[in-house]
Every structure is written in structure tokens, then in C-alpha cells.
Amino acid sequence: MSSYRISLTIGLLRPGVEPAAVLPAAAAAARERTIVEAYDVAVVRGEARVTVRFTADHNDDALDIARRVRATVTTLADVSAPSLSRRYGARWHRLVAFAPSY
């Protein structure tokens, strides 16, 4: 299995959503379909960014999981700049197919 990660920039939260709920929901959405290796929230250039790292057999499976994570987080907050990457050795390479497919 290969390692993938989805990163989403988080904007305005939906009414009634607590900030602490976003990251666990993102990880849970991926966990429904695969093994979640790690998840984190960071501030990058002044914006909150959620990252979930998970395993998948193929790029198509990873795209489905990434779409599920994005759809879940979109119910909680405005989402922008989604990025899906695959790990090759010590480096992460962005999967270009993710951006235009939703």
C-alpha cells in the first residue's frame, strides 16, 4: 500500500461548528475506508490547513478517499486549495488529477 495525504485550507466555519471538530471529522471520514496514518492541523501563511495521511492501494482509491474527506469537511467549513499527494520514497508528489475532478 502507498501513503497519500490530503491537505485542505479551512476558511469560515459553518454556524454552530466548533473549530476542534473539523480535524477529527476529516480523519474519521478517511478512517471509514482505510487506515489513517496521521492527521494534523497547521497554520500556513495565516490560514488553517488540515492534513490527513492515509494508505491506499491505487491512485483511484486515494482519490475516492480524498473526495470523501473533502465532502465531509465542506459540511463543517469553507474549504479551498485541496491537494492530494502520494509518497514516493522520502518525497511527496502532488496528484494533478485531484484538482479538476470535483
PDB file of N, CA and C in Angstrom:
ATOM      1  N   MET A   1       0.830  -1.181   0.000  1.00  0.00           N
ATOM      2  CA  MET A   1       0.000   0.000   0.000  1.00  0.00           C
ATOM      3  C   MET A   1       0.870   1.239   0.000  1.00  0.00           C
ATOM      4  N   SER A   2       0.383   2.240  -0.684  1.00  0.00           N
ATOM      5  CA  SER A   2       1.091   3.515  -0.744  1.00  0.00           C
ATOM      6  C   SER A   2       0.507   4.494   0.268  1.00  0.00           C
ATOM      7  N   SER A   3       1.302   5.489   0.604  1.00  0.00           N
ATOM      8  CA  SER A   3       0.876   6.525   1.529  1.00  0.00           C
ATOM      9  C   SER A   3       0.467   7.767   0.743  1.00  0.00           C
ATOM     10  N   TYR A   4      -0.668   8.344   1.115  1.00  0.00           N
ATOM     11  CA  TYR A   4      -1.203   9.541   0.482  1.00  0.00           C
ATOM     12  C   TYR A   4      -1.524  10.556   1.562  1.00  0.00           C
ATOM     13  N   ARG A   5      -1.657  11.808   1.148  1.00  0.00           N
ATOM     14  CA  ARG A   5      -2.136  12.820   2.091  1.00  0.00           C
ATOM     15  C   ARG A   5      -3.002  13.837   1.358  1.00  0.00           C
ATOM     16  N   ILE A   6      -4.067  14.219   2.006  1.00  0.00           N
ATOM     17  CA  ILE A   6      -4.920  15.286   1.514  1.00  0.00           C
ATOM     18  C   ILE A   6      -4.758  16.472   2.456  1.00  0.00           C
ATOM     19  N   SER A   7      -4.583  17.640   1.862  1.00  0.00           N
ATOM     20  CA  SER A   7      -4.497  18.886   2.617  1.00  0.00           C
ATOM     21  C   SER A   7      -5.601  19.812   2.139  1.00  0.00           C
ATOM     22  N   LEU A   8      -6.282  20.435   3.088  1.00  0.00           N
ATOM     23  CA  LEU A   8      -7.372  21.355   2.789  1.00  0.00           C
ATOM     24  C   LEU A   8      -7.184  22.633   3.584  1.00  0.00           C
ATOM     25  N   THR A   9      -7.299  23.768   2.937  1.00  0.00           N
ATOM     26  CA  THR A   9      -7.283  25.039   3.642  1.00  0.00           C
ATOM     27  C   THR A   9      -8.697  25.291   4.152  1.00  0.00           C
ATOM     28  N   ILE A  10      -8.794  25.604   5.441  1.00  0.00           N
ATOM     29  CA  ILE A  10     -10.078  25.776   6.100  1.00  0.00           C
ATOM     30  C   ILE A  10     -10.369  27.261   6.263  1.00  0.00           C
ATOM     31  N   GLY A  11     -11.552  27.651   5.801  1.00  0.00           N
ATOM     32  CA  GLY A  11     -11.978  29.042   5.932  1.00  0.00           C
ATOM     33  C   GLY A  11     -13.019  29.179   7.026  1.00  0.00           C
ATOM     34  N   LEU A  12     -14.038  29.940   6.742  1.00  0.00           N
ATOM     35  CA  LEU A  12     -15.106  30.221   7.688  1.00  0.00           C
ATOM     36  C   LEU A  12     -15.851  28.949   8.075  1.00  0.00           C
ATOM     37  N   LEU A  13     -16.036  28.768   9.377  1.00  0.00           N
ATOM     38  CA  LEU A  13     -16.776  27.610   9.875  1.00  0.00           C
ATOM     39  C   LEU A  13     -18.277  27.828   9.710  1.00  0.00           C
ATOM     40  N   ARG A  14     -19.012  26.743   9.513  1.00  0.00           N
ATOM     41  CA  ARG A  14     -20.468  26.800   9.435  1.00  0.00           C
ATOM     42  C   ARG A  14     -21.019  27.168  10.825  1.00  0.00           C
ATOM     43  N   PRO A  15     -22.180  27.787  10.871  1.00  0.00           N
ATOM     44  CA  PRO A  15     -22.763  28.144  12.174  1.00  0.00           C
ATOM     45  C   PRO A  15     -22.883  26.929  13.090  1.00  0.00           C
ATOM     46  N   GLY A  16     -22.451  27.117  14.320  1.00  0.00           N
ATOM     47  CA  GLY A  16     -22.553  26.065  15.328  1.00  0.00           C
ATOM     48  C   GLY A  16     -21.423  25.051  15.332  1.00  0.00           C
ATOM     49  N   VAL A  17     -20.488  25.140  14.381  1.00  0.00           N
ATOM     50  CA  VAL A  17     -19.384  24.184  14.310  1.00  0.00           C
ATOM     51  C   VAL A  17     -18.223  24.683  15.167  1.00  0.00           C
ATOM     52  N   GLU A  18     -17.753  23.845  16.042  1.00  0.00           N
ATOM     53  CA  GLU A  18     -16.597  24.167  16.868  1.00  0.00           C
ATOM     54  C   GLU A  18     -15.320  23.900  16.080  1.00  0.00           C
ATOM     55  N   PRO A  19     -14.340  24.760  16.194  1.00  0.00           N
ATOM     56  CA  PRO A  19     -13.077  24.537  15.464  1.00  0.00           C
ATOM     57  C   PRO A  19     -12.444  23.175  15.739  1.00  0.00           C
ATOM     58  N   ALA A  20     -12.564  22.709  16.969  1.00  0.00           N
ATOM     59  CA  ALA A  20     -11.949  21.430  17.352  1.00  0.00           C
ATOM     60  C   ALA A  20     -12.624  20.231  16.696  1.00  0.00           C
ATOM     61  N   ALA A  21     -13.770  20.420  16.062  1.00  0.00           N
ATOM     62  CA  ALA A  21     -14.491  19.308  15.445  1.00  0.00           C
ATOM     63  C   ALA A  21     -14.015  18.991  14.033  1.00  0.00           C
ATOM     64  N   VAL A  22     -13.343  19.918  13.391  1.00  0.00           N
ATOM     65  CA  VAL A  22     -13.009  19.760  11.972  1.00  0.00           C
ATOM     66  C   VAL A  22     -11.981  18.654  11.743  1.00  0.00           C
ATOM     67  N   LEU A  23     -10.866  18.680  12.436  1.00  0.00           N
ATOM     68  CA  LEU A  23      -9.812  17.691  12.226  1.00  0.00           C
ATOM     69  C   LEU A  23     -10.275  16.260  12.528  1.00  0.00           C
ATOM     70  N   PRO A  24     -10.915  15.999  13.659  1.00  0.00           N
ATOM     71  CA  PRO A  24     -11.383  14.632  13.900  1.00  0.00           C
ATOM     72  C   PRO A  24     -12.391  14.149  12.855  1.00  0.00           C
ATOM     73  N   ALA A  25     -13.228  15.052  12.356  1.00  0.00           N
ATOM     74  CA  ALA A  25     -14.201  14.665  11.327  1.00  0.00           C
ATOM     75  C   ALA A  25     -13.496  14.295  10.028  1.00  0.00           C
ATOM     76  N   ALA A  26     -12.461  15.042   9.678  1.00  0.00           N
ATOM     77  CA  ALA A  26     -11.694  14.740   8.465  1.00  0.00           C
ATOM     78  C   ALA A  26     -11.030  13.367   8.578  1.00  0.00           C
ATOM     79  N   ALA A  27     -10.418  13.111   9.712  1.00  0.00           N
ATOM     80  CA  ALA A  27      -9.757  11.820   9.918  1.00  0.00           C
ATOM     81  C   ALA A  27     -10.774  10.680   9.945  1.00  0.00           C
ATOM     82  N   ALA A  28     -11.915  10.897  10.569  1.00  0.00           N
ATOM     83  CA  ALA A  28     -12.946   9.855  10.635  1.00  0.00           C
ATOM     84  C   ALA A  28     -13.487   9.522   9.251  1.00  0.00           C
ATOM     85  N   ALA A  29     -13.615  10.521   8.390  1.00  0.00           N
ATOM     86  CA  ALA A  29     -14.105  10.277   7.036  1.00  0.00           C
ATOM     87  C   ALA A  29     -13.153   9.357   6.274  1.00  0.00           C
ATOM     88  N   ALA A  30     -11.865   9.566   6.427  1.00  0.00           N
ATOM     89  CA  ALA A  30     -10.889   8.690   5.773  1.00  0.00           C
ATOM     90  C   ALA A  30     -10.870   7.316   6.432  1.00  0.00           C
ATOM     91  N   ARG A  31     -10.985   7.299   7.742  1.00  0.00           N
ATOM     92  CA  ARG A  31     -10.916   6.048   8.500  1.00  0.00           C
ATOM     93  C   ARG A  31     -12.051   5.087   8.156  1.00  0.00           C
ATOM     94  N   GLU A  32     -13.157   5.622   7.639  1.00  0.00           N
ATOM     95  CA  GLU A  32     -14.268   4.760   7.230  1.00  0.00           C
ATOM     96  C   GLU A  32     -13.881   3.835   6.082  1.00  0.00           C
ATOM     97  N   ARG A  33     -12.857   4.221   5.304  1.00  0.00           N
ATOM     98  CA  ARG A  33     -12.476   3.456   4.108  1.00  0.00           C
ATOM     99  C   ARG A  33     -11.070   2.885   4.143  1.00  0.00           C
ATOM    100  N   THR A  34     -10.207   3.380   5.046  1.00  0.00           N
ATOM    101  CA  THR A  34      -8.813   2.960   5.011  1.00  0.00           C
ATOM    102  C   THR A  34      -8.135   3.192   6.353  1.00  0.00           C
ATOM    103  N   ILE A  35      -6.857   2.915   6.398  1.00  0.00           N
ATOM    104  CA  ILE A  35      -6.050   3.170   7.587  1.00  0.00           C
ATOM    105  C   ILE A  35      -5.548   4.607   7.533  1.00  0.00           C
ATOM    106  N   VAL A  36      -5.784   5.348   8.606  1.00  0.00           N
ATOM    107  CA  VAL A  36      -5.273   6.711   8.718  1.00  0.00           C
ATOM    108  C   VAL A  36      -3.946   6.636   9.451  1.00  0.00           C
ATOM    109  N   GLU A  37      -2.896   7.116   8.798  1.00  0.00           N
ATOM    110  CA  GLU A  37      -1.556   7.073   9.383  1.00  0.00           C
ATOM    111  C   GLU A  37      -1.303   8.244  10.329  1.00  0.00           C
ATOM    112  N   ALA A  38      -1.832   9.417   9.979  1.00  0.00           N
ATOM    113  CA  ALA A  38      -1.627  10.616  10.796  1.00  0.00           C
ATOM    114  C   ALA A  38      -2.597  11.695  10.352  1.00  0.00           C
ATOM    115  N   TYR A  39      -2.837  12.654  11.219  1.00  0.00           N
ATOM    116  CA  TYR A  39      -3.637  13.820  10.850  1.00  0.00           C
ATOM    117  C   TYR A  39      -3.180  14.994  11.701  1.00  0.00           C
ATOM    118  N   ASP A  40      -3.309  16.194  11.120  1.00  0.00           N
ATOM    119  CA  ASP A  40      -2.740  17.369  11.761  1.00  0.00           C
ATOM    120  C   ASP A  40      -3.442  18.621  11.252  1.00  0.00           C
ATOM    121  N   VAL A  41      -3.386  19.651  12.056  1.00  0.00           N
ATOM    122  CA  VAL A  41      -3.825  20.974  11.626  1.00  0.00           C
ATOM    123  C   VAL A  41      -2.656  21.929  11.846  1.00  0.00           C
ATOM    124  N   ALA A  42      -2.440  22.810  10.894  1.00  0.00           N
ATOM    125  CA  ALA A  42      -1.338  23.766  10.978  1.00  0.00           C
ATOM    126  C   ALA A  42      -1.811  25.104  10.422  1.00  0.00           C
ATOM    127  N   VAL A  43      -1.082  26.146  10.739  1.00  0.00           N
ATOM    128  CA  VAL A  43      -1.347  27.455  10.159  1.00  0.00           C
ATOM    129  C   VAL A  43      -0.253  27.711   9.132  1.00  0.00           C
ATOM    130  N   VAL A  44      -0.659  27.867   7.873  1.00  0.00           N
ATOM    131  CA  VAL A  44       0.264  28.081   6.770  1.00  0.00           C
ATOM    132  C   VAL A  44      -0.097  29.409   6.109  1.00  0.00           C
ATOM    133  N   ARG A  45       0.825  30.342   6.122  1.00  0.00           N
ATOM    134  CA  ARG A  45       0.589  31.675   5.563  1.00  0.00           C
ATOM    135  C   ARG A  45      -0.691  32.302   6.110  1.00  0.00           C
ATOM    136  N   GLY A  46      -0.893  32.122   7.403  1.00  0.00           N
ATOM    137  CA  GLY A  46      -2.030  32.730   8.077  1.00  0.00           C
ATOM    138  C   GLY A  46      -3.352  32.021   7.910  1.00  0.00           C
ATOM    139  N   GLU A  47      -3.361  30.837   7.286  1.00  0.00           N
ATOM    140  CA  GLU A  47      -4.590  30.085   7.068  1.00  0.00           C
ATOM    141  C   GLU A  47      -4.491  28.707   7.713  1.00  0.00           C
ATOM    142  N   ALA A  48      -5.608  28.260   8.275  1.00  0.00           N
ATOM    143  CA  ALA A  48      -5.651  26.915   8.866  1.00  0.00           C
ATOM    144  C   ALA A  48      -5.642  25.881   7.751  1.00  0.00           C
ATOM    145  N   ARG A  49      -4.822  24.857   7.927  1.00  0.00           N
ATOM    146  CA  ARG A  49      -4.749  23.780   6.941  1.00  0.00           C
ATOM    147  C   ARG A  49      -4.830  22.438   7.664  1.00  0.00           C
ATOM    148  N   VAL A  50      -5.788  21.616   7.237  1.00  0.00           N
ATOM    149  CA  VAL A  50      -5.971  20.270   7.777  1.00  0.00           C
ATOM    150  C   VAL A  50      -5.301  19.289   6.819  1.00  0.00           C
ATOM    151  N   THR A  51      -4.536  18.359   7.374  1.00  0.00           N
ATOM    152  CA  THR A  51      -3.877  17.329   6.572  1.00  0.00           C
ATOM    153  C   THR A  51      -4.185  15.964   7.173  1.00  0.00           C
ATOM    154  N   VAL A  52      -4.611  15.047   6.318  1.00  0.00           N
ATOM    155  CA  VAL A  52      -4.868  13.664   6.729  1.00  0.00           C
ATOM    156  C   VAL A  52      -4.014  12.763   5.850  1.00  0.00           C
ATOM    157  N   ARG A  53      -3.175  11.941   6.478  1.00  0.00           N
ATOM    158  CA  ARG A  53      -2.333  10.986   5.747  1.00  0.00           C
ATOM    159  C   ARG A  53      -2.935   9.599   5.909  1.00  0.00           C
ATOM    160  N   PHE A  54      -3.040   8.875   4.785  1.00  0.00           N
ATOM    161  CA  PHE A  54      -3.711   7.579   4.798  1.00  0.00           C
ATOM    162  C   PHE A  54      -3.077   6.653   3.765  1.00  0.00           C
ATOM    163  N   THR A  55      -3.466   5.383   3.814  1.00  0.00           N
ATOM    164  CA  THR A  55      -2.961   4.404   2.856  1.00  0.00           C
ATOM    165  C   THR A  55      -4.039   4.062   1.835  1.00  0.00           C
ATOM    166  N   ALA A  56      -3.585   3.681   0.647  1.00  0.00           N
ATOM    167  CA  ALA A  56      -4.489   3.213  -0.408  1.00  0.00           C
ATOM    168  C   ALA A  56      -3.701   2.332  -1.360  1.00  0.00           C
ATOM    169  N   ASP A  57      -4.408   1.413  -2.014  1.00  0.00           N
ATOM    170  CA  ASP A  57      -3.763   0.514  -2.965  1.00  0.00           C
ATOM    171  C   ASP A  57      -3.426   1.199  -4.278  1.00  0.00           C
ATOM    172  N   HIS A  58      -4.307   2.103  -4.725  1.00  0.00           N
ATOM    173  CA  HIS A  58      -4.156   2.725  -6.040  1.00  0.00           C
ATOM    174  C   HIS A  58      -4.535   4.195  -5.970  1.00  0.00           C
ATOM    175  N   ASN A  59      -4.103   4.959  -6.958  1.00  0.00           N
ATOM    176  CA  ASN A  59      -4.449   6.375  -7.018  1.00  0.00           C
ATOM    177  C   ASN A  59      -5.957   6.591  -7.058  1.00  0.00           C
ATOM    178  N   ASP A  60      -6.688   5.749  -7.784  1.00  0.00           N
ATOM    179  CA  ASP A  60      -8.143   5.892  -7.862  1.00  0.00           C
ATOM    180  C   ASP A  60      -8.790   5.745  -6.490  1.00  0.00           C
ATOM    181  N   ASP A  61      -8.307   4.786  -5.704  1.00  0.00           N
ATOM    182  CA  ASP A  61      -8.827   4.609  -4.346  1.00  0.00           C
ATOM    183  C   ASP A  61      -8.516   5.845  -3.501  1.00  0.00           C
ATOM    184  N   ALA A  62      -7.307   6.363  -3.634  1.00  0.00           N
ATOM    185  CA  ALA A  62      -6.912   7.553  -2.874  1.00  0.00           C
ATOM    186  C   ALA A  62      -7.767   8.758  -3.253  1.00  0.00           C
ATOM    187  N   LEU A  63      -8.076   8.888  -4.541  1.00  0.00           N
ATOM    188  CA  LEU A  63      -8.935   9.988  -4.991  1.00  0.00           C
ATOM    189  C   LEU A  63     -10.324   9.883  -4.366  1.00  0.00           C
ATOM    190  N   ASP A  64     -10.868   8.680  -4.307  1.00  0.00           N
ATOM    191  CA  ASP A  64     -12.186   8.481  -3.687  1.00  0.00           C
ATOM    192  C   ASP A  64     -12.163   8.858  -2.208  1.00  0.00           C
ATOM    193  N   ILE A  65     -11.131   8.437  -1.519  1.00  0.00           N
ATOM    194  CA  ILE A  65     -10.997   8.752  -0.094  1.00  0.00           C
ATOM    195  C   ILE A  65     -10.827  10.254   0.102  1.00  0.00           C
ATOM    196  N   ALA A  66     -10.002  10.874  -0.722  1.00  0.00           N
ATOM    197  CA  ALA A  66      -9.785  12.325  -0.628  1.00  0.00           C
ATOM    198  C   ALA A  66     -11.081  13.083  -0.875  1.00  0.00           C
ATOM    199  N   ARG A  67     -11.859  12.637  -1.831  1.00  0.00           N
ATOM    200  CA  ARG A  67     -13.152  13.280  -2.108  1.00  0.00           C
ATOM    201  C   ARG A  67     -14.096  13.139  -0.908  1.00  0.00           C
ATOM    202  N   ARG A  68     -14.061  11.988  -0.270  1.00  0.00           N
ATOM    203  CA  ARG A  68     -14.892  11.766   0.921  1.00  0.00           C
ATOM    204  C   ARG A  68     -14.479  12.718   2.045  1.00  0.00           C
ATOM    205  N   VAL A  69     -13.183  12.854   2.262  1.00  0.00           N
ATOM    206  CA  VAL A  69     -12.693  13.760   3.300  1.00  0.00           C
ATOM    207  C   VAL A  69     -13.122  15.191   2.982  1.00  0.00           C
ATOM    208  N   ARG A  70     -12.921  15.614   1.748  1.00  0.00           N
ATOM    209  CA  ARG A  70     -13.289  16.973   1.350  1.00  0.00           C
ATOM    210  C   ARG A  70     -14.792  17.196   1.521  1.00  0.00           C
ATOM    211  N   ALA A  71     -15.612  16.253   1.108  1.00  0.00           N
ATOM    212  CA  ALA A  71     -17.060  16.395   1.233  1.00  0.00           C
ATOM    213  C   ALA A  71     -17.476  16.522   2.699  1.00  0.00           C
ATOM    214  N   THR A  72     -16.852  15.756   3.563  1.00  0.00           N
ATOM    215  CA  THR A  72     -17.162  15.824   4.992  1.00  0.00           C
ATOM    216  C   THR A  72     -16.779  17.175   5.565  1.00  0.00           C
ATOM    217  N   VAL A  73     -15.578  17.631   5.265  1.00  0.00           N
ATOM    218  CA  VAL A  73     -15.110  18.900   5.813  1.00  0.00           C
ATOM    219  C   VAL A  73     -15.927  20.069   5.256  1.00  0.00           C
ATOM    220  N   THR A  74     -16.381  19.959   4.023  1.00  0.00           N
ATOM    221  CA  THR A  74     -17.186  21.012   3.418  1.00  0.00           C
ATOM    222  C   THR A  74     -18.506  21.218   4.170  1.00  0.00           C
ATOM    223  N   THR A  75     -19.012  20.187   4.832  1.00  0.00           N
ATOM    224  CA  THR A  75     -20.232  20.354   5.624  1.00  0.00           C
ATOM    225  C   THR A  75     -19.966  21.138   6.908  1.00  0.00           C
ATOM    226  N   LEU A  76     -18.693  21.266   7.275  1.00  0.00           N
ATOM    227  CA  LEU A  76     -18.323  21.945   8.520  1.00  0.00           C
ATOM    228  C   LEU A  76     -17.748  23.337   8.307  1.00  0.00           C
ATOM    229  N   ALA A  77     -17.136  23.564   7.137  1.00  0.00           N
ATOM    230  CA  ALA A  77     -16.432  24.828   6.908  1.00  0.00           C
ATOM    231  C   ALA A  77     -16.233  25.068   5.416  1.00  0.00           C
ATOM    232  N   ASP A  78     -15.908  26.306   5.077  1.00  0.00           N
ATOM    233  CA  ASP A  78     -15.491  26.605   3.711  1.00  0.00           C
ATOM    234  C   ASP A  78     -14.130  25.967   3.485  1.00  0.00           C
ATOM    235  N   VAL A  79     -13.951  25.360   2.321  1.00  0.00           N
ATOM    236  CA  VAL A  79     -12.711  24.647   2.007  1.00  0.00           C
ATOM    237  C   VAL A  79     -12.142  25.203   0.710  1.00  0.00           C
ATOM    238  N   SER A  80     -10.830  25.382   0.691  1.00  0.00           N
ATOM    239  CA  SER A  80     -10.165  25.800  -0.546  1.00  0.00           C
ATOM    240  C   SER A  80      -8.810  25.109  -0.632  1.00  0.00           C
ATOM    241  N   ALA A  81      -8.206  25.243  -1.782  1.00  0.00           N
ATOM    242  CA  ALA A  81      -6.858  24.724  -2.045  1.00  0.00           C
ATOM    243  C   ALA A  81      -6.682  23.253  -1.682  1.00  0.00           C
ATOM    244  N   PRO A  82      -7.600  22.367  -2.110  1.00  0.00           N
ATOM    245  CA  PRO A  82      -7.390  20.945  -1.814  1.00  0.00           C
ATOM    246  C   PRO A  82      -6.196  20.408  -2.589  1.00  0.00           C
ATOM    247  N   SER A  83      -5.448  19.552  -1.942  1.00  0.00           N
ATOM    248  CA  SER A  83      -4.265  18.987  -2.565  1.00  0.00           C
ATOM    249  C   SER A  83      -4.125  17.533  -2.126  1.00  0.00           C
ATOM    250  N   LEU A  84      -3.953  16.649  -3.089  1.00  0.00           N
ATOM    251  CA  LEU A  84      -3.721  15.236  -2.805  1.00  0.00           C
ATOM    252  C   LEU A  84      -2.335  14.875  -3.307  1.00  0.00           C
ATOM    253  N   SER A  85      -1.538  14.273  -2.420  1.00  0.00           N
ATOM    254  CA  SER A  85      -0.170  13.893  -2.767  1.00  0.00           C
ATOM    255  C   SER A  85       0.062  12.433  -2.445  1.00  0.00           C
ATOM    256  N   ARG A  86       0.984  11.833  -3.183  1.00  0.00           N
ATOM    257  CA  ARG A  86       1.389  10.447  -2.953  1.00  0.00           C
ATOM    258  C   ARG A  86       2.861  10.442  -2.585  1.00  0.00           C
ATOM    259  N   ARG A  87       3.209   9.581  -1.667  1.00  0.00           N
ATOM    260  CA  ARG A  87       4.598   9.489  -1.232  1.00  0.00           C
ATOM    261  C   ARG A  87       5.352   8.481  -2.085  1.00  0.00           C
ATOM    262  N   TYR A  88       6.473   8.929  -2.623  1.00  0.00           N
ATOM    263  CA  TYR A  88       7.429   8.083  -3.337  1.00  0.00           C
ATOM    264  C   TYR A  88       8.759   8.237  -2.616  1.00  0.00           C
ATOM    265  N   GLY A  89       9.176   7.198  -1.906  1.00  0.00           N
ATOM    266  CA  GLY A  89      10.405   7.310  -1.127  1.00  0.00           C
ATOM    267  C   GLY A  89      10.233   8.347  -0.029  1.00  0.00           C
ATOM    268  N   ALA A  90      11.124   9.307   0.014  1.00  0.00           N
ATOM    269  CA  ALA A  90      11.073  10.349   1.038  1.00  0.00           C
ATOM    270  C   ALA A  90      10.344  11.597   0.568  1.00  0.00           C
ATOM    271  N   ARG A  91       9.827  11.597  -0.644  1.00  0.00           N
ATOM    272  CA  ARG A  91       9.199  12.804  -1.209  1.00  0.00           C
ATOM    273  C   ARG A  91       7.710  12.605  -1.471  1.00  0.00           C
ATOM    274  N   TRP A  92       7.009  13.719  -1.399  1.00  0.00           N
ATOM    275  CA  TRP A  92       5.588  13.752  -1.719  1.00  0.00           C
ATOM    276  C   TRP A  92       5.413  14.384  -3.087  1.00  0.00           C
ATOM    277  N   HIS A  93       4.586  13.753  -3.925  1.00  0.00           N
ATOM    278  CA  HIS A  93       4.319  14.253  -5.279  1.00  0.00           C
ATOM    279  C   HIS A  93       2.821  14.469  -5.420  1.00  0.00           C
ATOM    280  N   ARG A  94       2.459  15.666  -5.836  1.00  0.00           N
ATOM    281  CA  ARG A  94       1.041  16.018  -5.987  1.00  0.00           C
ATOM    282  C   ARG A  94       0.426  15.234  -7.153  1.00  0.00           C
ATOM    283  N   LEU A  95      -0.798  14.763  -6.930  1.00  0.00           N
ATOM    284  CA  LEU A  95      -1.552  14.102  -7.986  1.00  0.00           C
ATOM    285  C   LEU A  95      -2.386  15.182  -8.683  1.00  0.00           C
ATOM    286  N   VAL A  96      -2.018  15.525  -9.861  1.00  0.00           N
ATOM    287  CA  VAL A  96      -2.668  16.603 -10.589  1.00  0.00           C
ATOM    288  C   VAL A  96      -4.134  16.272 -10.863  1.00  0.00           C
ATOM    289  N   ALA A  97      -4.477  15.002 -11.009  1.00  0.00           N
ATOM    290  CA  ALA A  97      -5.841  14.599 -11.342  1.00  0.00           C
ATOM    291  C   ALA A  97      -6.853  14.989 -10.269  1.00  0.00           C
ATOM    292  N   PHE A  98      -6.436  15.248  -9.051  1.00  0.00           N
ATOM    293  CA  PHE A  98      -7.376  15.550  -7.970  1.00  0.00           C
ATOM    294  C   PHE A  98      -8.058  16.898  -8.165  1.00  0.00           C
ATOM    295  N   ALA A  99      -7.305  17.916  -8.518  1.00  0.00           N
ATOM    296  CA  ALA A  99      -7.834  19.281  -8.543  1.00  0.00           C
ATOM    297  C   ALA A  99      -9.042  19.463  -9.452  1.00  0.00           C
ATOM    298  N   PRO A 100      -9.035  19.022 -10.719  1.00  0.00           N
ATOM    299  CA  PRO A 100     -10.184  19.307 -11.559  1.00  0.00           C
ATOM    300  C   PRO A 100     -11.341  18.327 -11.444  1.00  0.00           C
ATOM    301  N   SER A 101     -11.259  17.334 -10.607  1.00  0.00           N
ATOM    302  CA  SER A 101     -12.247  16.272 -10.623  1.00  0.00           C
ATOM    303  C   SER A 101     -13.415  16.483  -9.671  1.00  0.00           C
ATOM    304  N   TYR A 102     -13.555  17.621  -9.047  1.00  0.00           N
ATOM    305  CA  TYR A 102     -14.717  17.831  -8.178  1.00  0.00           C
ATOM    306  C   TYR A 102     -15.282  19.207  -8.364  1.00  0.00           C
TER     307      TYR A 102
END
